[in-house]
């Protein structure tokens, strides 16, 4: 994705933003009907100001590619603002080479319909906020399974990570400790349990200590839940802010010691 990186670096410069907004503005000014249409849609007569604000905002990135392979999806996850990936395929009739059929999923159809898609959008926004508030955390990523999505901060040990996720109608952040066997996981858990008072005081929240994970008996978990949101998706902004701030706090507090333990 070197071209995309080059575009993002270029559009981030103020001089580039001025050139782009000026070029669009000049085209709009050439035609009176277009100018009237734009004014009616942006709700302002100051078209250049509106254009400048739009162009200076972080862009929504769309990658159009013939096949959205796993490698492509993993690559786009490295960007701070995760792009939308659209597959665009062209079919040609053998008997009529000039007759083409294009198949693609319109961006409008990307609006979330299922809970999984809603969670992807929710945590995509959370990851973007995390990248803005803690750019020094470079190992955060958006993850998802077949039913749920989450934000994950990896550690040097597979199976041990910090999460911001959903559990029914509850948002939570946690340190998931899955060392591969129950004893090793609980040894790490017990190390932090000895600091229970200090950790709970620093988090300024109720901490749940699960020495044995309720679903995965070989794992342990240190978890902070928030049940204050009656509808997570309509109250997403405050829920995301809570999750991101507590994920950063938990990571910054435990990760230095965790790195020493996992060596």
C-alpha atoms as a PDB file:
ATOM      1  CA  UNK A   1       0.000   0.000   0.000  1.00  0.00           C
ATOM      2  CA  UNK A   2       2.821   2.503  -0.710  1.00  0.00           C
ATOM      3  CA  UNK A   3       0.583   4.690  -2.914  1.00  0.00           C
ATOM      4  CA  UNK A   4      -1.969   5.009  -0.122  1.00  0.00           C
ATOM      5  CA  UNK A   5       0.735   5.935   2.378  1.00  0.00           C
ATOM      6  CA  UNK A   6       2.014   8.580  -0.037  1.00  0.00           C
ATOM      7  CA  UNK A   7      -1.494  10.013  -0.484  1.00  0.00           C
ATOM      8  CA  UNK A   8      -2.092  10.161   3.282  1.00  0.00           C
ATOM      9  CA  UNK A   9       1.211  11.939   3.889  1.00  0.00           C
ATOM     10  CA  UNK A  10       0.430  14.402   1.108  1.00  0.00           C
ATOM     11  CA  UNK A  11      -3.141  15.228   2.148  1.00  0.00           C
ATOM     12  CA  UNK A  12      -1.991  15.798   5.735  1.00  0.00           C
ATOM     13  CA  UNK A  13       0.033  18.847   4.618  1.00  0.00           C
ATOM     14  CA  UNK A  14      -1.736  22.210   4.925  1.00  0.00           C
ATOM     15  CA  UNK A  15      -0.508  23.355   1.510  1.00  0.00           C
ATOM     16  CA  UNK A  16      -1.944  20.212  -0.132  1.00  0.00           C
ATOM     17  CA  UNK A  17      -5.271  20.733   1.606  1.00  0.00           C
ATOM     18  CA  UNK A  18      -5.390  24.332   0.349  1.00  0.00           C
ATOM     19  CA  UNK A  19      -4.680  23.225  -3.237  1.00  0.00           C
ATOM     20  CA  UNK A  20      -7.408  20.565  -3.147  1.00  0.00           C
ATOM     21  CA  UNK A  21     -10.086  22.794  -1.566  1.00  0.00           C
ATOM     22  CA  UNK A  22      -9.234  25.665  -3.948  1.00  0.00           C
ATOM     23  CA  UNK A  23      -9.455  23.384  -7.009  1.00  0.00           C
ATOM     24  CA  UNK A  24     -12.888  22.062  -5.971  1.00  0.00           C
ATOM     25  CA  UNK A  25     -14.084  25.567  -5.110  1.00  0.00           C
ATOM     26  CA  UNK A  26     -13.000  26.920  -8.521  1.00  0.00           C
ATOM     27  CA  UNK A  27     -14.924  24.169 -10.311  1.00  0.00           C
ATOM     28  CA  UNK A  28     -18.068  24.895  -8.279  1.00  0.00           C
ATOM     29  CA  UNK A  29     -17.807  28.647  -8.992  1.00  0.00           C
ATOM     30  CA  UNK A  30     -17.719  28.029 -12.762  1.00  0.00           C
ATOM     31  CA  UNK A  31     -21.313  26.870 -12.888  1.00  0.00           C
ATOM     32  CA  UNK A  32     -24.176  28.692 -11.192  1.00  0.00           C
ATOM     33  CA  UNK A  33     -26.471  25.647 -10.965  1.00  0.00           C
ATOM     34  CA  UNK A  34     -23.723  23.619  -9.290  1.00  0.00           C
ATOM     35  CA  UNK A  35     -23.046  26.450  -6.856  1.00  0.00           C
ATOM     36  CA  UNK A  36     -26.746  26.614  -5.950  1.00  0.00           C
ATOM     37  CA  UNK A  37     -26.857  22.834  -5.472  1.00  0.00           C
ATOM     38  CA  UNK A  38     -23.815  22.848  -3.164  1.00  0.00           C
ATOM     39  CA  UNK A  39     -25.164  25.740  -1.079  1.00  0.00           C
ATOM     40  CA  UNK A  40     -28.503  23.969  -0.620  1.00  0.00           C
ATOM     41  CA  UNK A  41     -26.736  20.815   0.591  1.00  0.00           C
ATOM     42  CA  UNK A  42     -24.037  22.251   2.848  1.00  0.00           C
ATOM     43  CA  UNK A  43     -26.381  24.769   4.413  1.00  0.00           C
ATOM     44  CA  UNK A  44     -23.912  27.609   4.127  1.00  0.00           C
ATOM     45  CA  UNK A  45     -23.014  30.307   1.634  1.00  0.00           C
ATOM     46  CA  UNK A  46     -19.354  30.066   2.689  1.00  0.00           C
ATOM     47  CA  UNK A  47     -18.535  27.199   0.361  1.00  0.00           C
ATOM     48  CA  UNK A  48     -14.771  27.616   0.564  1.00  0.00           C
ATOM     49  CA  UNK A  49     -14.845  27.481   4.364  1.00  0.00           C
ATOM     50  CA  UNK A  50     -16.922  24.293   4.320  1.00  0.00           C
ATOM     51  CA  UNK A  51     -14.600  22.724   1.751  1.00  0.00           C
ATOM     52  CA  UNK A  52     -11.553  23.633   3.816  1.00  0.00           C
ATOM     53  CA  UNK A  53     -13.062  22.027   6.915  1.00  0.00           C
ATOM     54  CA  UNK A  54     -13.904  18.856   4.998  1.00  0.00           C
ATOM     55  CA  UNK A  55     -10.504  18.541   3.329  1.00  0.00           C
ATOM     56  CA  UNK A  56      -8.627  19.234   6.562  1.00  0.00           C
ATOM     57  CA  UNK A  57     -10.543  16.478   8.401  1.00  0.00           C
ATOM     58  CA  UNK A  58      -9.025  12.955   8.475  1.00  0.00           C
ATOM     59  CA  UNK A  59     -10.157  11.319   5.225  1.00  0.00           C
ATOM     60  CA  UNK A  60     -12.397   8.271   5.015  1.00  0.00           C
ATOM     61  CA  UNK A  61     -10.218   5.809   3.108  1.00  0.00           C
ATOM     62  CA  UNK A  62     -11.689   3.418   0.551  1.00  0.00           C
ATOM     63  CA  UNK A  63      -9.511   0.756  -1.070  1.00  0.00           C
ATOM     64  CA  UNK A  64     -11.001  -0.611  -4.298  1.00  0.00           C
ATOM     65  CA  UNK A  65      -9.301  -3.836  -5.336  1.00  0.00           C
ATOM     66  CA  UNK A  66     -10.068  -6.862  -7.505  1.00  0.00           C
ATOM     67  CA  UNK A  67      -9.841  -9.294  -4.569  1.00  0.00           C
ATOM     68  CA  UNK A  68      -9.961  -8.489  -0.854  1.00  0.00           C
ATOM     69  CA  UNK A  69      -7.551 -11.205   0.291  1.00  0.00           C
ATOM     70  CA  UNK A  70      -6.630 -11.832   3.920  1.00  0.00           C
ATOM     71  CA  UNK A  71      -3.245 -10.232   3.208  1.00  0.00           C
ATOM     72  CA  UNK A  72      -4.962  -7.042   2.014  1.00  0.00           C
ATOM     73  CA  UNK A  73      -7.191  -6.932   5.099  1.00  0.00           C
ATOM     74  CA  UNK A  74      -4.227  -7.458   7.436  1.00  0.00           C
ATOM     75  CA  UNK A  75      -2.286  -4.713   5.627  1.00  0.00           C
ATOM     76  CA  UNK A  76      -5.052  -2.111   5.950  1.00  0.00           C
ATOM     77  CA  UNK A  77      -5.305  -2.853   9.697  1.00  0.00           C
ATOM     78  CA  UNK A  78      -1.862  -1.251  10.062  1.00  0.00           C
ATOM     79  CA  UNK A  79      -3.295   2.150   9.185  1.00  0.00           C
ATOM     80  CA  UNK A  80      -4.398   4.370  12.066  1.00  0.00           C
ATOM     81  CA  UNK A  81      -7.665   5.043  10.243  1.00  0.00           C
ATOM     82  CA  UNK A  82      -8.717   1.654   8.922  1.00  0.00           C
ATOM     83  CA  UNK A  83      -9.814   1.809   5.248  1.00  0.00           C
ATOM     84  CA  UNK A  84     -13.037   0.391   3.854  1.00  0.00           C
ATOM     85  CA  UNK A  85     -12.118  -2.380   1.392  1.00  0.00           C
ATOM     86  CA  UNK A  86     -14.354  -2.760  -1.671  1.00  0.00           C
ATOM     87  CA  UNK A  87     -13.951  -5.644  -4.138  1.00  0.00           C
ATOM     88  CA  UNK A  88     -14.439  -4.513  -7.737  1.00  0.00           C
ATOM     89  CA  UNK A  89     -14.611  -7.292 -10.355  1.00  0.00           C
ATOM     90  CA  UNK A  90     -15.067  -6.955 -14.111  1.00  0.00           C
ATOM     91  CA  UNK A  91     -16.481  -9.753 -16.284  1.00  0.00           C
ATOM     92  CA  UNK A  92     -16.215  -9.857 -20.091  1.00  0.00           C
ATOM     93  CA  UNK A  93     -18.396 -11.928 -22.417  1.00  0.00           C
ATOM     94  CA  UNK A  94     -16.331 -14.200 -24.634  1.00  0.00           C
ATOM     95  CA  UNK A  95     -18.437 -13.493 -27.704  1.00  0.00           C
ATOM     96  CA  UNK A  96     -18.570  -9.726 -27.086  1.00  0.00           C
ATOM     97  CA  UNK A  97     -15.284  -8.424 -25.747  1.00  0.00           C
ATOM     98  CA  UNK A  98     -16.596  -4.853 -25.549  1.00  0.00           C
ATOM     99  CA  UNK A  99     -19.444  -5.880 -23.231  1.00  0.00           C
ATOM    100  CA  UNK A 100     -18.373  -5.609 -19.594  1.00  0.00           C
ATOM    101  CA  UNK A 101     -20.224  -6.346 -16.387  1.00  0.00           C
ATOM    102  CA  UNK A 102     -18.913  -4.793 -13.172  1.00  0.00           C
ATOM    103  CA  UNK A 103     -19.662  -6.326  -9.800  1.00  0.00           C
ATOM    104  CA  UNK A 104     -19.002  -4.467  -6.566  1.00  0.00           C
ATOM    105  CA  UNK A 105     -20.629  -3.679  -3.247  1.00  0.00           C
ATOM    106  CA  UNK A 106     -21.625   0.016  -3.070  1.00  0.00           C
ATOM    107  CA  UNK A 107     -20.275   1.928  -0.111  1.00  0.00           C
ATOM    108  CA  UNK A 108     -23.839   2.790   0.940  1.00  0.00           C
ATOM    109  CA  UNK A 109     -24.547  -0.911   1.450  1.00  0.00           C
ATOM    110  CA  UNK A 110     -21.769  -1.022   4.030  1.00  0.00           C
ATOM    111  CA  UNK A 111     -24.167   0.463   6.586  1.00  0.00           C
ATOM    112  CA  UNK A 112     -24.237  -1.992   9.486  1.00  0.00           C
ATOM    113  CA  UNK A 113     -27.235  -4.300   9.600  1.00  0.00           C
ATOM    114  CA  UNK A 114     -26.081  -7.059  11.914  1.00  0.00           C
ATOM    115  CA  UNK A 115     -24.727  -6.744  15.438  1.00  0.00           C
ATOM    116  CA  UNK A 116     -21.311  -7.816  14.176  1.00  0.00           C
ATOM    117  CA  UNK A 117     -21.243  -5.038  11.600  1.00  0.00           C
ATOM    118  CA  UNK A 118     -22.399  -2.538  14.227  1.00  0.00           C
ATOM    119  CA  UNK A 119     -19.630  -3.711  16.543  1.00  0.00           C
ATOM    120  CA  UNK A 120     -17.033  -3.372  13.761  1.00  0.00           C
ATOM    121  CA  UNK A 121     -18.077   0.244  13.230  1.00  0.00           C
ATOM    122  CA  UNK A 122     -18.129   0.863  17.004  1.00  0.00           C
ATOM    123  CA  UNK A 123     -14.631  -0.537  17.558  1.00  0.00           C
ATOM    124  CA  UNK A 124     -13.223   1.009  14.382  1.00  0.00           C
ATOM    125  CA  UNK A 125     -14.090   4.377  15.942  1.00  0.00           C
ATOM    126  CA  UNK A 126     -12.626   3.213  19.248  1.00  0.00           C
ATOM    127  CA  UNK A 127      -9.338   2.255  17.587  1.00  0.00           C
ATOM    128  CA  UNK A 128      -9.135   5.638  15.859  1.00  0.00           C
ATOM    129  CA  UNK A 129      -9.696   7.398  19.205  1.00  0.00           C
ATOM    130  CA  UNK A 130      -7.064   5.181  20.842  1.00  0.00           C
ATOM    131  CA  UNK A 131      -4.546   6.058  18.116  1.00  0.00           C
ATOM    132  CA  UNK A 132      -5.219   9.767  18.652  1.00  0.00           C
ATOM    133  CA  UNK A 133      -5.007   9.658  22.459  1.00  0.00           C
ATOM    134  CA  UNK A 134      -2.086   7.236  22.761  1.00  0.00           C
ATOM    135  CA  UNK A 135      -0.044   7.195  19.527  1.00  0.00           C
ATOM    136  CA  UNK A 136       2.809   5.597  21.470  1.00  0.00           C
ATOM    137  CA  UNK A 137       0.767   2.380  21.641  1.00  0.00           C
ATOM    138  CA  UNK A 138       1.602   0.940  18.237  1.00  0.00           C
ATOM    139  CA  UNK A 139       0.449  -2.653  18.732  1.00  0.00           C
ATOM    140  CA  UNK A 140      -3.317  -2.034  18.904  1.00  0.00           C
ATOM    141  CA  UNK A 141      -5.590  -3.541  16.270  1.00  0.00           C
ATOM    142  CA  UNK A 142      -9.227  -4.129  15.389  1.00  0.00           C
ATOM    143  CA  UNK A 143     -10.220  -7.767  15.724  1.00  0.00           C
ATOM    144  CA  UNK A 144     -13.401  -9.732  15.176  1.00  0.00           C
ATOM    145  CA  UNK A 145     -14.760 -13.247  15.181  1.00  0.00           C
ATOM    146  CA  UNK A 146     -17.973 -14.570  13.642  1.00  0.00           C
ATOM    147  CA  UNK A 147     -20.195 -12.842  16.231  1.00  0.00           C
ATOM    148  CA  UNK A 148     -18.277 -10.055  17.953  1.00  0.00           C
ATOM    149  CA  UNK A 149     -15.624  -7.385  17.358  1.00  0.00           C
ATOM    150  CA  UNK A 150     -13.106  -5.791  19.731  1.00  0.00           C
ATOM    151  CA  UNK A 151      -9.990  -3.663  20.073  1.00  0.00           C
ATOM    152  CA  UNK A 152      -6.905  -5.597  21.126  1.00  0.00           C
ATOM    153  CA  UNK A 153      -3.469  -4.505  22.323  1.00  0.00           C
ATOM    154  CA  UNK A 154      -1.077  -7.377  21.799  1.00  0.00           C
ATOM    155  CA  UNK A 155       1.820  -8.373  24.046  1.00  0.00           C
ATOM    156  CA  UNK A 156       4.957 -10.309  23.193  1.00  0.00           C
ATOM    157  CA  UNK A 157       3.221 -13.517  24.316  1.00  0.00           C
ATOM    158  CA  UNK A 158       0.546 -15.111  22.159  1.00  0.00           C
ATOM    159  CA  UNK A 159      -2.652 -15.547  24.162  1.00  0.00           C
ATOM    160  CA  UNK A 160      -1.962 -12.627  26.499  1.00  0.00           C
ATOM    161  CA  UNK A 161      -3.511  -9.311  25.497  1.00  0.00           C
ATOM    162  CA  UNK A 162      -5.462  -6.259  26.617  1.00  0.00           C
ATOM    163  CA  UNK A 163      -8.999  -5.911  25.257  1.00  0.00           C
ATOM    164  CA  UNK A 164     -11.808  -3.394  24.917  1.00  0.00           C
ATOM    165  CA  UNK A 165     -14.904  -5.428  24.081  1.00  0.00           C
ATOM    166  CA  UNK A 166     -18.631  -5.976  24.623  1.00  0.00           C
ATOM    167  CA  UNK A 167     -20.341  -8.586  26.767  1.00  0.00           C
ATOM    168  CA  UNK A 168     -24.109  -8.608  26.225  1.00  0.00           C
ATOM    169  CA  UNK A 169     -25.080  -4.984  27.037  1.00  0.00           C
ATOM    170  CA  UNK A 170     -21.869  -4.251  28.927  1.00  0.00           C
ATOM    171  CA  UNK A 171     -18.634  -2.628  27.788  1.00  0.00           C
ATOM    172  CA  UNK A 172     -15.469  -3.838  29.435  1.00  0.00           C
ATOM    173  CA  UNK A 173     -11.702  -3.661  29.314  1.00  0.00           C
ATOM    174  CA  UNK A 174      -9.533  -6.500  30.530  1.00  0.00           C
ATOM    175  CA  UNK A 175      -6.179  -8.203  30.638  1.00  0.00           C
ATOM    176  CA  UNK A 176      -6.712 -11.685  29.229  1.00  0.00           C
ATOM    177  CA  UNK A 177      -4.076 -14.162  30.387  1.00  0.00           C
ATOM    178  CA  UNK A 178      -4.032 -17.346  28.329  1.00  0.00           C
ATOM    179  CA  UNK A 179      -0.530 -18.784  28.698  1.00  0.00           C
ATOM    180  CA  UNK A 180      -1.435 -22.169  27.258  1.00  0.00           C
ATOM    181  CA  UNK A 181      -1.845 -23.964  30.563  1.00  0.00           C
ATOM    182  CA  UNK A 182      -3.829 -23.189  33.694  1.00  0.00           C
ATOM    183  CA  UNK A 183      -0.878 -23.056  36.109  1.00  0.00           C
ATOM    184  CA  UNK A 184       1.155 -20.575  34.052  1.00  0.00           C
ATOM    185  CA  UNK A 185      -1.882 -18.339  33.520  1.00  0.00           C
ATOM    186  CA  UNK A 186      -2.708 -18.331  37.219  1.00  0.00           C
ATOM    187  CA  UNK A 187       0.900 -17.597  38.178  1.00  0.00           C
ATOM    188  CA  UNK A 188       0.747 -14.364  36.159  1.00  0.00           C
ATOM    189  CA  UNK A 189      -2.714 -13.607  37.557  1.00  0.00           C
ATOM    190  CA  UNK A 190      -1.506 -14.165  41.152  1.00  0.00           C
ATOM    191  CA  UNK A 191       1.406 -11.789  40.602  1.00  0.00           C
ATOM    192  CA  UNK A 192      -1.059  -8.961  39.893  1.00  0.00           C
ATOM    193  CA  UNK A 193      -3.531 -10.128  42.540  1.00  0.00           C
ATOM    194  CA  UNK A 194      -0.898  -9.303  45.168  1.00  0.00           C
ATOM    195  CA  UNK A 195      -1.224  -5.679  43.952  1.00  0.00           C
ATOM    196  CA  UNK A 196      -5.037  -5.752  44.060  1.00  0.00           C
ATOM    197  CA  UNK A 197      -5.424  -2.685  46.266  1.00  0.00           C
ATOM    198  CA  UNK A 198      -3.001  -0.534  44.245  1.00  0.00           C
ATOM    199  CA  UNK A 199      -4.510  -1.581  40.902  1.00  0.00           C
ATOM    200  CA  UNK A 200      -8.110  -0.940  41.970  1.00  0.00           C
ATOM    201  CA  UNK A 201      -7.161   2.437  43.417  1.00  0.00           C
ATOM    202  CA  UNK A 202      -5.360   3.446  40.205  1.00  0.00           C
ATOM    203  CA  UNK A 203      -8.241   2.282  37.975  1.00  0.00           C
ATOM    204  CA  UNK A 204     -10.779   4.086  40.196  1.00  0.00           C
ATOM    205  CA  UNK A 205     -13.316   1.412  39.213  1.00  0.00           C
ATOM    206  CA  UNK A 206     -14.506  -1.923  40.491  1.00  0.00           C
ATOM    207  CA  UNK A 207     -12.171  -4.631  39.235  1.00  0.00           C
ATOM    208  CA  UNK A 208     -13.307  -8.235  38.828  1.00  0.00           C
ATOM    209  CA  UNK A 209     -10.585 -10.833  39.418  1.00  0.00           C
ATOM    210  CA  UNK A 210     -11.279 -14.066  37.547  1.00  0.00           C
ATOM    211  CA  UNK A 211      -8.541 -16.546  38.448  1.00  0.00           C
ATOM    212  CA  UNK A 212     -10.362 -19.091  36.307  1.00  0.00           C
ATOM    213  CA  UNK A 213     -12.081 -17.736  33.213  1.00  0.00           C
ATOM    214  CA  UNK A 214     -15.779 -18.792  33.222  1.00  0.00           C
ATOM    215  CA  UNK A 215     -15.544 -20.155  29.660  1.00  0.00           C
ATOM    216  CA  UNK A 216     -11.864 -21.006  29.175  1.00  0.00           C
ATOM    217  CA  UNK A 217     -10.589 -22.885  32.218  1.00  0.00           C
ATOM    218  CA  UNK A 218      -6.912 -22.504  31.249  1.00  0.00           C
ATOM    219  CA  UNK A 219      -7.123 -18.709  31.199  1.00  0.00           C
ATOM    220  CA  UNK A 220      -7.424 -15.951  33.808  1.00  0.00           C
ATOM    221  CA  UNK A 221      -8.743 -12.427  33.493  1.00  0.00           C
ATOM    222  CA  UNK A 222      -8.575  -9.020  35.193  1.00  0.00           C
ATOM    223  CA  UNK A 223     -11.650  -7.123  34.059  1.00  0.00           C
ATOM    224  CA  UNK A 224     -13.321  -3.716  34.505  1.00  0.00           C
ATOM    225  CA  UNK A 225     -16.958  -3.490  33.399  1.00  0.00           C
ATOM    226  CA  UNK A 226     -19.305  -0.572  32.789  1.00  0.00           C
ATOM    227  CA  UNK A 227     -23.062  -1.216  32.888  1.00  0.00           C
ATOM    228  CA  UNK A 228     -24.133   2.418  32.561  1.00  0.00           C
ATOM    229  CA  UNK A 229     -25.214   2.316  28.908  1.00  0.00           C
ATOM    230  CA  UNK A 230     -28.775   1.242  28.113  1.00  0.00           C
ATOM    231  CA  UNK A 231     -28.053   1.296  24.369  1.00  0.00           C
ATOM    232  CA  UNK A 232     -24.399   1.087  23.431  1.00  0.00           C
ATOM    233  CA  UNK A 233     -24.866   2.070  19.810  1.00  0.00           C
ATOM    234  CA  UNK A 234     -26.943   5.188  20.462  1.00  0.00           C
ATOM    235  CA  UNK A 235     -24.588   6.182  23.290  1.00  0.00           C
ATOM    236  CA  UNK A 236     -21.504   5.061  21.422  1.00  0.00           C
ATOM    237  CA  UNK A 237     -19.425   8.221  21.816  1.00  0.00           C
ATOM    238  CA  UNK A 238     -19.339   8.181  25.628  1.00  0.00           C
ATOM    239  CA  UNK A 239     -19.030   4.373  25.716  1.00  0.00           C
ATOM    240  CA  UNK A 240     -16.057   4.494  23.355  1.00  0.00           C
ATOM    241  CA  UNK A 241     -14.390   7.252  25.369  1.00  0.00           C
ATOM    242  CA  UNK A 242     -14.834   5.272  28.595  1.00  0.00           C
ATOM    243  CA  UNK A 243     -13.415   2.124  27.016  1.00  0.00           C
ATOM    244  CA  UNK A 244     -10.461   3.801  25.337  1.00  0.00           C
ATOM    245  CA  UNK A 245      -9.429   5.778  28.415  1.00  0.00           C
ATOM    246  CA  UNK A 246      -9.636   2.736  30.683  1.00  0.00           C
ATOM    247  CA  UNK A 247      -7.883   0.485  28.180  1.00  0.00           C
ATOM    248  CA  UNK A 248      -4.992   2.965  27.989  1.00  0.00           C
ATOM    249  CA  UNK A 249      -4.896   3.250  31.789  1.00  0.00           C
ATOM    250  CA  UNK A 250      -4.909  -0.541  32.313  1.00  0.00           C
ATOM    251  CA  UNK A 251      -2.279  -1.103  29.616  1.00  0.00           C
ATOM    252  CA  UNK A 252       0.066   1.600  30.854  1.00  0.00           C
ATOM    253  CA  UNK A 253      -0.209   0.349  34.434  1.00  0.00           C
ATOM    254  CA  UNK A 254       0.266  -3.396  33.848  1.00  0.00           C
ATOM    255  CA  UNK A 255       2.246  -3.774  30.632  1.00  0.00           C
ATOM    256  CA  UNK A 256       5.716  -2.810  32.012  1.00  0.00           C
ATOM    257  CA  UNK A 257       5.507  -5.503  34.697  1.00  0.00           C
ATOM    258  CA  UNK A 258       3.890  -7.927  32.257  1.00  0.00           C
ATOM    259  CA  UNK A 259       6.803  -7.497  29.858  1.00  0.00           C
ATOM    260  CA  UNK A 260       9.224  -8.498  32.633  1.00  0.00           C
ATOM    261  CA  UNK A 261       7.131 -11.536  33.596  1.00  0.00           C
ATOM    262  CA  UNK A 262       6.814 -12.796  30.005  1.00  0.00           C
ATOM    263  CA  UNK A 263      10.524 -12.579  29.206  1.00  0.00           C
END
